[in-house]
C-alpha atoms as a PDB file:
ATOM      1  CA  MET A   1     -13.363  14.885  10.921  1.00  0.00           C
ATOM      2  CA  PRO A   2      -9.588  14.747  10.410  1.00  0.00           C
ATOM      3  CA  LEU A   3      -7.939  17.380   8.243  1.00  0.00           C
ATOM      4  CA  LEU A   4      -5.323  15.018   6.850  1.00  0.00           C
ATOM      5  CA  SER A   5      -5.632  11.590   5.266  1.00  0.00           C
ATOM      6  CA  VAL A   6      -2.976  10.090   7.508  1.00  0.00           C
ATOM      7  CA  SER A   7      -3.211   7.090   9.795  1.00  0.00           C
ATOM      8  CA  ASP A   8      -0.913   5.249  12.167  1.00  0.00           C
ATOM      9  CA  PHE A   9       1.990   3.417  10.571  1.00  0.00           C
ATOM     10  CA  SER A  10       3.780   0.322  11.872  1.00  0.00           C
ATOM     11  CA  TYR A  11       6.715  -1.658  10.571  1.00  0.00           C
ATOM     12  CA  GLU A  12       8.699  -4.327  12.405  1.00  0.00           C
ATOM     13  CA  ASN A  13       9.471  -2.917  15.867  1.00  0.00           C
ATOM     14  CA  ILE A  14       8.242   0.655  15.457  1.00  0.00           C
ATOM     15  CA  THR A  15       4.892   2.392  15.373  1.00  0.00           C
ATOM     16  CA  LEU A  16       4.155   5.979  14.409  1.00  0.00           C
ATOM     17  CA  ALA A  17       0.850   7.024  16.007  1.00  0.00           C
ATOM     18  CA  TYR A  18      -0.807   9.962  14.240  1.00  0.00           C
ATOM     19  CA  SER A  19      -3.101  12.493  15.911  1.00  0.00           C
ATOM     20  CA  GLU A  20      -4.540  15.938  15.305  1.00  0.00           C
ATOM     21  CA  GLN A  21      -4.641  18.261  18.290  1.00  0.00           C
ATOM     22  CA  THR A  22      -5.577  21.863  19.045  1.00  0.00           C
ATOM     23  CA  ASP A  23      -3.367  24.355  20.845  1.00  0.00           C
ATOM     24  CA  GLU A  24      -4.493  27.000  23.347  1.00  0.00           C
ATOM     25  CA  ASN A  25      -5.256  29.423  20.466  1.00  0.00           C
ATOM     26  CA  GLY A  26      -7.463  26.932  18.630  1.00  0.00           C
ATOM     27  CA  ALA A  27      -4.902  26.162  15.913  1.00  0.00           C
ATOM     28  CA  VAL A  28      -4.741  22.547  14.756  1.00  0.00           C
ATOM     29  CA  PHE A  29      -1.376  20.817  14.908  1.00  0.00           C
ATOM     30  CA  VAL A  30      -0.241  17.299  14.125  1.00  0.00           C
ATOM     31  CA  GLY A  31       1.075  14.856  16.698  1.00  0.00           C
ATOM     32  CA  LEU A  32       3.278  11.899  15.823  1.00  0.00           C
ATOM     33  CA  GLN A  33       4.317   9.509  18.591  1.00  0.00           C
ATOM     34  CA  PHE A  34       7.221   7.108  17.981  1.00  0.00           C
ATOM     35  CA  THR A  35       7.039   3.818  19.895  1.00  0.00           C
ATOM     36  CA  GLY A  36       9.395   0.837  19.866  1.00  0.00           C
ATOM     37  CA  ASP A  37      12.886   0.561  18.360  1.00  0.00           C
ATOM     38  CA  MET A  38      14.139   2.004  15.079  1.00  0.00           C
ATOM     39  CA  ASP A  39      17.265   0.016  14.356  1.00  0.00           C
ATOM     40  CA  MET A  40      16.798  -0.688  10.654  1.00  0.00           C
ATOM     41  CA  GLN A  41      19.720  -0.362   8.288  1.00  0.00           C
ATOM     42  CA  ASP A  42      17.678   1.659   5.759  1.00  0.00           C
ATOM     43  CA  PRO A  43      14.559   3.221   7.282  1.00  0.00           C
ATOM     44  CA  ASP A  44      14.224   5.650   4.342  1.00  0.00           C
ATOM     45  CA  ALA A  45      12.743   2.998   2.076  1.00  0.00           C
ATOM     46  CA  VAL A  46       9.995   2.221   4.578  1.00  0.00           C
ATOM     47  CA  PHE A  47       9.312   5.502   6.387  1.00  0.00           C
ATOM     48  CA  MET A  48      10.134   8.263   3.901  1.00  0.00           C
ATOM     49  CA  PRO A  49       6.982   7.754   1.749  1.00  0.00           C
ATOM     50  CA  TYR A  50       4.856   8.086   4.910  1.00  0.00           C
ATOM     51  CA  LEU A  51       6.756  11.176   6.100  1.00  0.00           C
ATOM     52  CA  GLN A  52       6.661  12.781   2.635  1.00  0.00           C
ATOM     53  CA  SER A  53       2.898  12.264   2.462  1.00  0.00           C
ATOM     54  CA  LEU A  54       2.470  13.762   5.930  1.00  0.00           C
ATOM     55  CA  HIS A  55       4.746  16.668   4.992  1.00  0.00           C
ATOM     56  CA  SER A  56       2.817  17.388   1.766  1.00  0.00           C
ATOM     57  CA  GLN A  57      -0.565  17.221   3.442  1.00  0.00           C
ATOM     58  CA  MET A  58       0.546  19.540   6.239  1.00  0.00           C
ATOM     59  CA  ILE A  59       1.655  22.091   3.647  1.00  0.00           C
ATOM     60  CA  GLN A  60      -1.545  21.736   1.599  1.00  0.00           C
ATOM     61  CA  ASN A  61      -3.697  22.241   4.701  1.00  0.00           C
ATOM     62  CA  GLY A  62      -1.661  25.107   6.169  1.00  0.00           C
ATOM     63  CA  ILE A  63      -0.743  23.271   9.366  1.00  0.00           C
ATOM     64  CA  LYS A  64       2.131  25.124  11.014  1.00  0.00           C
ATOM     65  CA  LYS A  65       3.290  22.724  13.715  1.00  0.00           C
ATOM     66  CA  ILE A  66       4.021  19.072  14.298  1.00  0.00           C
ATOM     67  CA  GLN A  67       4.746  17.608  17.703  1.00  0.00           C
ATOM     68  CA  LEU A  68       7.045  14.585  17.602  1.00  0.00           C
ATOM     69  CA  ASP A  69       6.880  12.510  20.769  1.00  0.00           C
ATOM     70  CA  PHE A  70       9.984  10.334  21.041  1.00  0.00           C
ATOM     71  CA  ARG A  71       9.524   9.515  24.741  1.00  0.00           C
ATOM     72  CA  PRO A  72       8.197   5.961  24.164  1.00  0.00           C
ATOM     73  CA  LEU A  73      10.933   5.237  21.594  1.00  0.00           C
ATOM     74  CA  ARG A  74      13.554   2.984  23.160  1.00  0.00           C
ATOM     75  CA  PHE A  75      16.191   3.242  20.446  1.00  0.00           C
ATOM     76  CA  LEU A  76      16.942   5.282  17.330  1.00  0.00           C
ATOM     77  CA  ASN A  77      20.072   4.343  15.381  1.00  0.00           C
ATOM     78  CA  SER A  78      22.131   6.674  13.196  1.00  0.00           C
ATOM     79  CA  SER A  79      20.085   5.736  10.106  1.00  0.00           C
ATOM     80  CA  GLY A  80      16.935   6.815  11.938  1.00  0.00           C
ATOM     81  CA  ILE A  81      18.552  10.102  12.924  1.00  0.00           C
ATOM     82  CA  LYS A  82      19.546  10.609   9.292  1.00  0.00           C
ATOM     83  CA  LEU A  83      15.897  10.070   8.328  1.00  0.00           C
ATOM     84  CA  MET A  84      14.891  12.860  10.730  1.00  0.00           C
ATOM     85  CA  VAL A  85      17.600  15.134   9.274  1.00  0.00           C
ATOM     86  CA  LYS A  86      16.182  14.567   5.783  1.00  0.00           C
ATOM     87  CA  TRP A  87      12.732  15.532   7.040  1.00  0.00           C
ATOM     88  CA  VAL A  88      14.093  18.767   8.536  1.00  0.00           C
ATOM     89  CA  GLN A  89      15.834  19.482   5.229  1.00  0.00           C
ATOM     90  CA  MET A  90      12.489  19.131   3.413  1.00  0.00           C
ATOM     91  CA  ILE A  91      11.090  21.844   5.681  1.00  0.00           C
ATOM     92  CA  LEU A  92      14.084  24.148   5.274  1.00  0.00           C
ATOM     93  CA  VAL A  93      13.694  24.386   1.484  1.00  0.00           C
ATOM     94  CA  LEU A  94      10.038  25.422   1.673  1.00  0.00           C
ATOM     95  CA  PRO A  95       8.935  28.966   0.874  1.00  0.00           C
ATOM     96  CA  PRO A  96       8.586  30.937   4.136  1.00  0.00           C
ATOM     97  CA  ASP A  97       4.768  30.866   4.062  1.00  0.00           C
ATOM     98  CA  LYS A  98       4.745  27.044   3.869  1.00  0.00           C
ATOM     99  CA  VAL A  99       7.264  26.330   6.643  1.00  0.00           C
ATOM    100  CA  TYR A 100       6.048  24.516   9.755  1.00  0.00           C
ATOM    101  CA  SER A 101       7.743  24.016  13.102  1.00  0.00           C
ATOM    102  CA  MET A 102       8.629  20.864  14.998  1.00  0.00           C
ATOM    103  CA  GLU A 103       8.220  20.451  18.712  1.00  0.00           C
ATOM    104  CA  ILE A 104      10.110  17.402  19.926  1.00  0.00           C
ATOM    105  CA  LEU A 105       9.161  15.741  23.196  1.00  0.00           C
ATOM    106  CA  ALA A 106      12.047  13.769  24.671  1.00  0.00           C
ATOM    107  CA  ASN A 107      12.712  11.807  27.829  1.00  0.00           C
ATOM    108  CA  SER A 108      15.551  13.448  29.756  1.00  0.00           C
ATOM    109  CA  ALA A 109      16.247  10.137  31.535  1.00  0.00           C
ATOM    110  CA  VAL A 110      17.130   8.444  28.225  1.00  0.00           C
ATOM    111  CA  ALA A 111      20.677   9.487  27.265  1.00  0.00           C
ATOM    112  CA  TRP A 112      20.363   9.120  23.477  1.00  0.00           C
ATOM    113  CA  GLN A 113      17.180  11.225  23.431  1.00  0.00           C
ATOM    114  CA  ASP A 114      18.760  13.989  25.463  1.00  0.00           C
ATOM    115  CA  ASN A 115      21.908  14.091  23.306  1.00  0.00           C
ATOM    116  CA  CYS A 116      20.798  13.217  19.762  1.00  0.00           C
ATOM    117  CA  LEU A 117      17.543  15.112  19.685  1.00  0.00           C
ATOM    118  CA  LYS A 118      19.207  18.272  21.002  1.00  0.00           C
ATOM    119  CA  LEU A 119      21.683  18.009  18.118  1.00  0.00           C
ATOM    120  CA  LEU A 120      18.806  17.657  15.658  1.00  0.00           C
ATOM    121  CA  SER A 121      17.440  20.982  16.877  1.00  0.00           C
ATOM    122  CA  LEU A 122      20.713  22.674  15.909  1.00  0.00           C
ATOM    123  CA  LEU A 123      19.833  22.147  12.223  1.00  0.00           C
ATOM    124  CA  ALA A 124      17.033  24.681  12.500  1.00  0.00           C
ATOM    125  CA  PRO A 125      16.927  26.299  15.943  1.00  0.00           C
ATOM    126  CA  LYS A 126      14.103  28.660  14.961  1.00  0.00           C
ATOM    127  CA  LEU A 127      11.935  25.777  13.714  1.00  0.00           C
ATOM    128  CA  ILE A 128      12.755  22.938  16.116  1.00  0.00           C
ATOM    129  CA  LYS A 129      12.060  23.158  19.828  1.00  0.00           C
ATOM    130  CA  ILE A 130      13.017  20.391  22.242  1.00  0.00           C
ATOM    131  CA  LYS A 131      11.040  19.724  25.400  1.00  0.00           C
ATOM    132  CA  LEU A 132      12.884  17.412  27.779  1.00  0.00           C
ATOM    133  CA  LEU A 133      10.357  15.845  30.122  1.00  0.00           C
END
């Protein structure tokens, strides 16, 4: 039975696929796979309620890690990157016992993923880890 009341979310050309996984120590973490193209002018209006709900439920359930898989995402414009920055900022203002980490999976063969997602990790190097695959 899932810990969180979260499901997949799709809008226009992008899908966020939700999963719950277990690490090698038996701890549950959340997976979120981004597929398609995020080239909307204002993705906040559509995606922020979903991300805020996910964020709140992770805190309430004590989940300490989310894995964001951007490898299937073909394009993320600057508004989409700004959306990710806002999400990181929500984590940074949490009390230390509520903070969770982000592991970002990126495709090293896709230039924007290599460059932009590395820059995102600079916002919180202790909380955001990039895995270029």
